[in-house]
Amino acid sequence: MGKIILSASGKGGVGKSIFTLNLGATLAERGLKIVMIDMNVGLRNLDIYLGLENKVIYDVADVLSGVCTPKKAMVRDKRFPYLYIIPAPQKKEKFTASPEDMASFYEHLRENFDYVLVDGPAGVNSALCLAAAGADAAVIVMTMEHVSMRDADMADQILRESGVLTRVCVVNKVNPDLLRSGAMPSFEDVSSMLRMPLLGIIQYDENISIAANCGVPIVRQKSYIEENFNRIADRLLCY
């Protein structure tokens, strides 16, 4: 049986979706069967980041409403042995689902995949609770800004109340120069404010965004970034 892992963030702009796609690509490179569910309803982007936007026919709303099966909604990334996405709908009014619907949907997928990675909506609201229904674990992505730290803490509380027992955080877009100058919070500040284990740190590198905008996961390129994502994946697989 596979595991359901939610990527969440207290606010937008922290790089959650790009983190999700590179985590999925890292795991798929290992031969694991991965499906990524885009739950950014109205603002889907995983299809663009993977260069698969022209392959999309159905979406999560179509699956949950019975228009199509999960298999028909899946778009395969042929660069990997087993990597699929199910896109989010572009129109919010199209999407109606209950937590029970989502949990049942995830249960079906875990029978056929090693990991189901859910790219949750940004922010702390009912949409986050819906995406979290039935999730085994959550990775909360944040940046080293006081606002992002506070919002990540709020997301942690909501996910705990939603029954997601395993919650870890990733600090993204870290600028070493700003960190050394004291222009951003320190890691000690992060540790004192958050009650989650730190899964990993990702340094700011414009090549990560450039690759995503070109429809290519950065981890397909041999670099320190790929090594870092592999270390993050190793730690995540221990939970």
C-alpha atoms as a PDB file:
ATOM      1  CA  MET A   1       0.000   0.000   0.000  1.00  0.00           C
ATOM      2  CA  GLY A   2       1.343   3.401  -0.959  1.00  0.00           C
ATOM      3  CA  LYS A   3       1.607   6.524   1.171  1.00  0.00           C
ATOM      4  CA  ILE A   4      -0.193   9.832   0.731  1.00  0.00           C
ATOM      5  CA  ILE A   5       2.098  12.830   1.260  1.00  0.00           C
ATOM      6  CA  LEU A   6       0.725  16.356   1.141  1.00  0.00           C
ATOM      7  CA  SER A   7       2.833  19.391   0.252  1.00  0.00           C
ATOM      8  CA  ALA A   8       1.458  22.456   2.021  1.00  0.00           C
ATOM      9  CA  SER A   9       2.395  26.055   2.676  1.00  0.00           C
ATOM     10  CA  GLY A  10       1.024  28.785   4.883  1.00  0.00           C
ATOM     11  CA  LYS A  11       1.280  31.304   2.035  1.00  0.00           C
ATOM     12  CA  GLY A  12       1.898  31.462  -1.674  1.00  0.00           C
ATOM     13  CA  GLY A  13       5.206  32.165  -3.341  1.00  0.00           C
ATOM     14  CA  VAL A  14       7.355  29.819  -1.267  1.00  0.00           C
ATOM     15  CA  GLY A  15       8.020  27.340  -4.097  1.00  0.00           C
ATOM     16  CA  LYS A  16       5.744  24.535  -2.897  1.00  0.00           C
ATOM     17  CA  SER A  17       4.707  23.274  -6.331  1.00  0.00           C
ATOM     18  CA  ILE A  18       8.245  23.265  -7.728  1.00  0.00           C
ATOM     19  CA  PHE A  19       9.353  21.417  -4.600  1.00  0.00           C
ATOM     20  CA  THR A  20       6.581  18.837  -5.139  1.00  0.00           C
ATOM     21  CA  LEU A  21       7.462  18.167  -8.760  1.00  0.00           C
ATOM     22  CA  ASN A  22      11.167  17.748  -7.982  1.00  0.00           C
ATOM     23  CA  LEU A  23      10.417  15.450  -5.051  1.00  0.00           C
ATOM     24  CA  GLY A  24       8.177  13.377  -7.319  1.00  0.00           C
ATOM     25  CA  ALA A  25      10.837  13.255 -10.026  1.00  0.00           C
ATOM     26  CA  THR A  26      13.478  12.247  -7.466  1.00  0.00           C
ATOM     27  CA  LEU A  27      11.370   9.340  -6.251  1.00  0.00           C
ATOM     28  CA  ALA A  28      10.416   8.325  -9.799  1.00  0.00           C
ATOM     29  CA  GLU A  29      14.091   8.231 -10.799  1.00  0.00           C
ATOM     30  CA  ARG A  30      14.456   5.489  -8.193  1.00  0.00           C
ATOM     31  CA  GLY A  31      11.881   3.361  -9.983  1.00  0.00           C
ATOM     32  CA  LEU A  32       9.060   4.064  -7.525  1.00  0.00           C
ATOM     33  CA  LYS A  33       5.534   4.456  -8.864  1.00  0.00           C
ATOM     34  CA  ILE A  34       4.521   8.070  -8.308  1.00  0.00           C
ATOM     35  CA  VAL A  35       1.345  10.016  -9.023  1.00  0.00           C
ATOM     36  CA  MET A  36       1.118  13.718  -8.227  1.00  0.00           C
ATOM     37  CA  ILE A  37      -2.289  15.269  -7.585  1.00  0.00           C
ATOM     38  CA  ASP A  38      -2.601  19.003  -8.218  1.00  0.00           C
ATOM     39  CA  MET A  39      -5.041  20.436  -5.667  1.00  0.00           C
ATOM     40  CA  ASN A  40      -4.388  24.084  -6.532  1.00  0.00           C
ATOM     41  CA  VAL A  41      -7.947  24.432  -7.786  1.00  0.00           C
ATOM     42  CA  GLY A  42      -8.207  27.336 -10.225  1.00  0.00           C
ATOM     43  CA  LEU A  43      -4.442  27.796 -10.244  1.00  0.00           C
ATOM     44  CA  ARG A  44      -3.027  24.505 -11.481  1.00  0.00           C
ATOM     45  CA  ASN A  45       0.621  24.546 -12.444  1.00  0.00           C
ATOM     46  CA  LEU A  46       2.203  21.085 -12.187  1.00  0.00           C
ATOM     47  CA  ASP A  47       1.262  20.392 -15.808  1.00  0.00           C
ATOM     48  CA  ILE A  48       3.151  23.507 -16.970  1.00  0.00           C
ATOM     49  CA  TYR A  49       6.160  22.840 -14.747  1.00  0.00           C
ATOM     50  CA  LEU A  50       6.439  19.375 -16.308  1.00  0.00           C
ATOM     51  CA  GLY A  51       5.742  20.567 -19.849  1.00  0.00           C
ATOM     52  CA  LEU A  52       2.567  18.467 -20.053  1.00  0.00           C
ATOM     53  CA  GLU A  53      -0.076  21.184 -20.364  1.00  0.00           C
ATOM     54  CA  ASN A  54      -1.025  20.113 -23.904  1.00  0.00           C
ATOM     55  CA  LYS A  55      -1.693  16.563 -22.719  1.00  0.00           C
ATOM     56  CA  VAL A  56      -4.379  17.485 -20.174  1.00  0.00           C
ATOM     57  CA  ILE A  57      -7.918  16.314 -20.957  1.00  0.00           C
ATOM     58  CA  TYR A  58      -9.484  15.486 -17.588  1.00  0.00           C
ATOM     59  CA  ASP A  59      -8.827  16.695 -14.039  1.00  0.00           C
ATOM     60  CA  VAL A  60      -9.479  15.870 -10.389  1.00  0.00           C
ATOM     61  CA  ALA A  61     -13.005  17.292 -10.539  1.00  0.00           C
ATOM     62  CA  ASP A  62     -13.852  14.979 -13.447  1.00  0.00           C
ATOM     63  CA  VAL A  63     -12.676  11.972 -11.446  1.00  0.00           C
ATOM     64  CA  LEU A  64     -14.567  12.873  -8.281  1.00  0.00           C
ATOM     65  CA  SER A  65     -17.769  13.646 -10.197  1.00  0.00           C
ATOM     66  CA  GLY A  66     -17.628  10.328 -12.055  1.00  0.00           C
ATOM     67  CA  VAL A  67     -16.994  11.826 -15.506  1.00  0.00           C
ATOM     68  CA  CYS A  68     -13.901   9.648 -15.898  1.00  0.00           C
ATOM     69  CA  THR A  69     -11.795   7.127 -14.027  1.00  0.00           C
ATOM     70  CA  PRO A  70      -8.576   8.110 -12.243  1.00  0.00           C
ATOM     71  CA  LYS A  71      -6.613   6.262 -14.914  1.00  0.00           C
ATOM     72  CA  LYS A  72      -8.130   8.383 -17.710  1.00  0.00           C
ATOM     73  CA  ALA A  73      -7.293  11.601 -15.887  1.00  0.00           C
ATOM     74  CA  MET A  74      -3.640  10.649 -15.399  1.00  0.00           C
ATOM     75  CA  VAL A  75      -1.056  12.284 -17.632  1.00  0.00           C
ATOM     76  CA  ARG A  76       2.188  10.365 -17.867  1.00  0.00           C
ATOM     77  CA  ASP A  77       5.619  11.949 -17.957  1.00  0.00           C
ATOM     78  CA  LYS A  78       7.416   9.594 -20.333  1.00  0.00           C
ATOM     79  CA  ARG A  79      10.846  10.740 -19.166  1.00  0.00           C
ATOM     80  CA  PHE A  80      10.380   8.538 -16.090  1.00  0.00           C
ATOM     81  CA  PRO A  81       9.430   4.870 -15.661  1.00  0.00           C
ATOM     82  CA  TYR A  82       6.399   5.628 -13.457  1.00  0.00           C
ATOM     83  CA  LEU A  83       5.467   9.278 -13.020  1.00  0.00           C
ATOM     84  CA  TYR A  84       1.955  10.606 -13.534  1.00  0.00           C
ATOM     85  CA  ILE A  85      -0.003  13.730 -12.686  1.00  0.00           C
ATOM     86  CA  ILE A  86      -3.710  14.375 -12.246  1.00  0.00           C
ATOM     87  CA  PRO A  87      -4.302  18.092 -12.852  1.00  0.00           C
ATOM     88  CA  ALA A  88      -6.531  20.428 -10.873  1.00  0.00           C
ATOM     89  CA  PRO A  89      -9.534  22.048 -12.555  1.00  0.00           C
ATOM     90  CA  GLN A  90      -9.033  25.557 -13.860  1.00  0.00           C
ATOM     91  CA  LYS A  91     -12.433  26.750 -12.626  1.00  0.00           C
ATOM     92  CA  LYS A  92     -13.161  26.715  -8.892  1.00  0.00           C
ATOM     93  CA  GLU A  93     -16.921  26.480  -9.346  1.00  0.00           C
ATOM     94  CA  LYS A  94     -16.381  23.167 -11.122  1.00  0.00           C
ATOM     95  CA  PHE A  95     -14.906  21.556  -8.033  1.00  0.00           C
ATOM     96  CA  THR A  96     -17.136  20.177  -5.306  1.00  0.00           C
ATOM     97  CA  ALA A  97     -15.930  17.420  -3.011  1.00  0.00           C
ATOM     98  CA  SER A  98     -16.096  16.360   0.608  1.00  0.00           C
ATOM     99  CA  PRO A  99     -13.221  15.157   2.801  1.00  0.00           C
ATOM    100  CA  GLU A 100     -14.735  11.684   2.536  1.00  0.00           C
ATOM    101  CA  ASP A 101     -14.579  11.891  -1.269  1.00  0.00           C
ATOM    102  CA  MET A 102     -10.915  12.863  -1.153  1.00  0.00           C
ATOM    103  CA  ALA A 103      -9.988  10.163   1.349  1.00  0.00           C
ATOM    104  CA  SER A 104     -11.712   7.525  -0.807  1.00  0.00           C
ATOM    105  CA  PHE A 105      -9.933   8.834  -3.910  1.00  0.00           C
ATOM    106  CA  TYR A 106      -6.560   8.656  -2.177  1.00  0.00           C
ATOM    107  CA  GLU A 107      -7.275   5.130  -0.945  1.00  0.00           C
ATOM    108  CA  HIS A 108      -7.885   4.000  -4.505  1.00  0.00           C
ATOM    109  CA  LEU A 109      -4.614   5.523  -5.689  1.00  0.00           C
ATOM    110  CA  ARG A 110      -2.500   4.099  -2.877  1.00  0.00           C
ATOM    111  CA  GLU A 111      -3.377   0.607  -4.107  1.00  0.00           C
ATOM    112  CA  ASN A 112      -1.526   1.224  -7.363  1.00  0.00           C
ATOM    113  CA  PHE A 113       1.271   3.640  -6.451  1.00  0.00           C
ATOM    114  CA  ASP A 114       4.151   3.698  -3.987  1.00  0.00           C
ATOM    115  CA  TYR A 115       3.611   7.392  -3.259  1.00  0.00           C
ATOM    116  CA  VAL A 116       0.772   9.786  -3.937  1.00  0.00           C
ATOM    117  CA  LEU A 117       2.120  13.339  -3.725  1.00  0.00           C
ATOM    118  CA  VAL A 118      -0.596  15.930  -3.240  1.00  0.00           C
ATOM    119  CA  ASP A 119       0.321  19.490  -4.174  1.00  0.00           C
ATOM    120  CA  GLY A 120      -2.031  21.260  -1.785  1.00  0.00           C
ATOM    121  CA  PRO A 121      -3.401  24.788  -2.090  1.00  0.00           C
ATOM    122  CA  ALA A 122      -1.416  27.680  -0.650  1.00  0.00           C
ATOM    123  CA  GLY A 123      -2.750  29.224   2.528  1.00  0.00           C
ATOM    124  CA  VAL A 124      -4.612  28.075   5.607  1.00  0.00           C
ATOM    125  CA  ASN A 125      -8.240  27.500   4.747  1.00  0.00           C
ATOM    126  CA  SER A 126     -10.885  24.846   4.141  1.00  0.00           C
ATOM    127  CA  ALA A 127      -9.229  23.885   0.846  1.00  0.00           C
ATOM    128  CA  LEU A 128      -6.144  22.796   2.791  1.00  0.00           C
ATOM    129  CA  CYS A 129      -8.264  20.620   5.074  1.00  0.00           C
ATOM    130  CA  LEU A 130      -9.898  19.044   2.030  1.00  0.00           C
ATOM    131  CA  ALA A 131      -6.556  18.240   0.392  1.00  0.00           C
ATOM    132  CA  ALA A 132      -5.292  16.795   3.692  1.00  0.00           C
ATOM    133  CA  ALA A 133      -8.166  14.327   4.131  1.00  0.00           C
ATOM    134  CA  GLY A 134      -6.638  10.869   4.497  1.00  0.00           C
ATOM    135  CA  ALA A 135      -3.027  12.044   4.111  1.00  0.00           C
ATOM    136  CA  ASP A 136      -0.351  10.041   5.945  1.00  0.00           C
ATOM    137  CA  ALA A 137       2.142  12.905   6.198  1.00  0.00           C
ATOM    138  CA  ALA A 138       2.632  16.535   5.236  1.00  0.00           C
ATOM    139  CA  VAL A 139       5.653  18.533   4.152  1.00  0.00           C
ATOM    140  CA  ILE A 140       5.171  22.221   4.920  1.00  0.00           C
ATOM    141  CA  VAL A 141       7.294  24.379   2.623  1.00  0.00           C
ATOM    142  CA  MET A 142       8.346  27.804   3.917  1.00  0.00           C
ATOM    143  CA  THR A 143      10.935  30.506   3.392  1.00  0.00           C
ATOM    144  CA  MET A 144      13.063  32.250   5.988  1.00  0.00           C
ATOM    145  CA  GLU A 145      10.766  35.222   6.460  1.00  0.00           C
ATOM    146  CA  HIS A 146       8.853  35.975   9.639  1.00  0.00           C
ATOM    147  CA  VAL A 147       5.524  36.015   7.790  1.00  0.00           C
ATOM    148  CA  SER A 148       6.219  32.662   6.145  1.00  0.00           C
ATOM    149  CA  MET A 149       7.307  31.151   9.469  1.00  0.00           C
ATOM    150  CA  ARG A 150       4.129  32.289  11.214  1.00  0.00           C
ATOM    151  CA  ASP A 151       1.933  31.030   8.376  1.00  0.00           C
ATOM    152  CA  ALA A 152       3.773  27.696   8.327  1.00  0.00           C
ATOM    153  CA  ASP A 153       3.049  27.341  12.031  1.00  0.00           C
ATOM    154  CA  MET A 154      -0.646  27.994  11.347  1.00  0.00           C
ATOM    155  CA  ALA A 155      -0.637  25.373   8.588  1.00  0.00           C
ATOM    156  CA  ASP A 156       0.968  22.937  11.022  1.00  0.00           C
ATOM    157  CA  GLN A 157      -1.824  23.516  13.543  1.00  0.00           C
ATOM    158  CA  ILE A 158      -4.570  23.051  10.952  1.00  0.00           C
ATOM    159  CA  LEU A 159      -3.011  19.853   9.623  1.00  0.00           C
ATOM    160  CA  ARG A 160      -2.629  18.480  13.133  1.00  0.00           C
ATOM    161  CA  GLU A 161      -6.295  19.202  13.823  1.00  0.00           C
ATOM    162  CA  SER A 162      -7.163  17.533  10.498  1.00  0.00           C
ATOM    163  CA  GLY A 163      -5.551  14.310  11.696  1.00  0.00           C
ATOM    164  CA  VAL A 164      -2.247  14.458   9.809  1.00  0.00           C
ATOM    165  CA  LEU A 165       0.026  13.085  12.499  1.00  0.00           C
ATOM    166  CA  THR A 166       3.368  13.313  10.671  1.00  0.00           C
ATOM    167  CA  ARG A 167       4.324  16.856   9.724  1.00  0.00           C
ATOM    168  CA  VAL A 168       7.769  18.078   8.704  1.00  0.00           C
ATOM    169  CA  CYS A 169       9.035  21.299   7.152  1.00  0.00           C
ATOM    170  CA  VAL A 170      11.366  22.274   4.336  1.00  0.00           C
ATOM    171  CA  VAL A 171      12.998  25.700   4.301  1.00  0.00           C
ATOM    172  CA  ASN A 172      13.166  26.841   0.699  1.00  0.00           C
ATOM    173  CA  LYS A 173      14.923  29.654  -1.211  1.00  0.00           C
ATOM    174  CA  VAL A 174      17.614  30.183   1.423  1.00  0.00           C
ATOM    175  CA  ASN A 175      20.007  33.001   0.496  1.00  0.00           C
ATOM    176  CA  PRO A 176      23.324  32.352   2.278  1.00  0.00           C
ATOM    177  CA  ASP A 177      24.496  35.960   1.972  1.00  0.00           C
ATOM    178  CA  LEU A 178      21.331  37.372   3.552  1.00  0.00           C
ATOM    179  CA  LEU A 179      21.465  34.684   6.224  1.00  0.00           C
ATOM    180  CA  ARG A 180      25.055  35.545   7.162  1.00  0.00           C
ATOM    181  CA  SER A 181      24.297  39.281   7.242  1.00  0.00           C
ATOM    182  CA  GLY A 182      21.402  38.793   9.659  1.00  0.00           C
ATOM    183  CA  ALA A 183      18.897  40.208   7.150  1.00  0.00           C
ATOM    184  CA  MET A 184      16.666  37.179   7.585  1.00  0.00           C
ATOM    185  CA  PRO A 185      15.719  34.980  10.558  1.00  0.00           C
ATOM    186  CA  SER A 186      18.289  32.406  11.640  1.00  0.00           C
ATOM    187  CA  PHE A 187      17.783  28.672  11.778  1.00  0.00           C
ATOM    188  CA  GLU A 188      17.666  29.031  15.555  1.00  0.00           C
ATOM    189  CA  ASP A 189      14.660  31.336  15.086  1.00  0.00           C
ATOM    190  CA  VAL A 190      13.011  28.739  12.874  1.00  0.00           C
ATOM    191  CA  SER A 191      13.630  25.955  15.381  1.00  0.00           C
ATOM    192  CA  SER A 192      12.285  27.973  18.292  1.00  0.00           C
ATOM    193  CA  MET A 193       9.089  28.978  16.498  1.00  0.00           C
ATOM    194  CA  LEU A 194       8.107  25.783  14.716  1.00  0.00           C
ATOM    195  CA  ARG A 195       7.167  22.500  16.330  1.00  0.00           C
ATOM    196  CA  MET A 196       7.995  20.331  13.320  1.00  0.00           C
ATOM    197  CA  PRO A 197      11.151  18.414  12.440  1.00  0.00           C
ATOM    198  CA  LEU A 198      13.244  20.052   9.727  1.00  0.00           C
ATOM    199  CA  LEU A 199      13.327  17.747   6.695  1.00  0.00           C
ATOM    200  CA  GLY A 200      15.761  19.795   4.647  1.00  0.00           C
ATOM    201  CA  ILE A 201      17.029  23.134   3.394  1.00  0.00           C
ATOM    202  CA  ILE A 202      17.032  24.236  -0.246  1.00  0.00           C
ATOM    203  CA  GLN A 203      19.338  27.073  -1.261  1.00  0.00           C
ATOM    204  CA  TYR A 204      18.016  29.763  -3.575  1.00  0.00           C
ATOM    205  CA  ASP A 205      19.134  29.017  -7.110  1.00  0.00           C
ATOM    206  CA  GLU A 206      17.551  30.673 -10.134  1.00  0.00           C
ATOM    207  CA  ASN A 207      18.206  27.507 -12.149  1.00  0.00           C
ATOM    208  CA  ILE A 208      15.431  25.740 -10.208  1.00  0.00           C
ATOM    209  CA  SER A 209      12.821  28.175 -11.501  1.00  0.00           C
ATOM    210  CA  ILE A 210      14.370  28.332 -14.978  1.00  0.00           C
ATOM    211  CA  ALA A 211      14.169  24.548 -15.300  1.00  0.00           C
ATOM    212  CA  ALA A 212      10.545  24.479 -14.118  1.00  0.00           C
ATOM    213  CA  ASN A 213       9.596  27.202 -16.575  1.00  0.00           C
ATOM    214  CA  CYS A 214      11.146  25.059 -19.306  1.00  0.00           C
ATOM    215  CA  GLY A 215       9.098  22.049 -18.197  1.00  0.00           C
ATOM    216  CA  VAL A 216      12.083  20.159 -16.799  1.00  0.00           C
ATOM    217  CA  PRO A 217      12.567  19.017 -13.181  1.00  0.00           C
ATOM    218  CA  ILE A 218      15.926  20.398 -12.052  1.00  0.00           C
ATOM    219  CA  VAL A 219      16.789  17.042 -10.444  1.00  0.00           C
ATOM    220  CA  ARG A 220      17.230  15.520 -13.905  1.00  0.00           C
ATOM    221  CA  GLN A 221      20.439  17.528 -14.095  1.00  0.00           C
ATOM    222  CA  LYS A 222      23.360  16.176 -12.083  1.00  0.00           C
ATOM    223  CA  SER A 223      24.198  18.898  -9.589  1.00  0.00           C
ATOM    224  CA  TYR A 224      24.245  19.739  -5.889  1.00  0.00           C
ATOM    225  CA  ILE A 225      20.494  20.400  -6.165  1.00  0.00           C
ATOM    226  CA  GLU A 226      19.812  16.821  -7.254  1.00  0.00           C
ATOM    227  CA  GLU A 227      21.971  15.537  -4.388  1.00  0.00           C
ATOM    228  CA  ASN A 228      20.071  17.721  -1.920  1.00  0.00           C
ATOM    229  CA  PHE A 229      16.697  16.457  -3.101  1.00  0.00           C
ATOM    230  CA  ASN A 230      17.937  12.888  -2.770  1.00  0.00           C
ATOM    231  CA  ARG A 231      18.915  13.560   0.845  1.00  0.00           C
ATOM    232  CA  ILE A 232      15.494  15.101   1.500  1.00  0.00           C
ATOM    233  CA  ALA A 233      13.807  12.081  -0.099  1.00  0.00           C
ATOM    234  CA  ASP A 234      15.895   9.690   2.013  1.00  0.00           C
ATOM    235  CA  ARG A 235      14.772  11.428   5.207  1.00  0.00           C
ATOM    236  CA  LEU A 236      11.147  11.527   4.085  1.00  0.00           C
ATOM    237  CA  LEU A 237      11.103   7.811   3.336  1.00  0.00           C
ATOM    238  CA  CYS A 238      12.070   7.159   6.959  1.00  0.00           C
ATOM    239  CA  TYR A 239       8.738   8.529   8.218  1.00  0.00           C
END
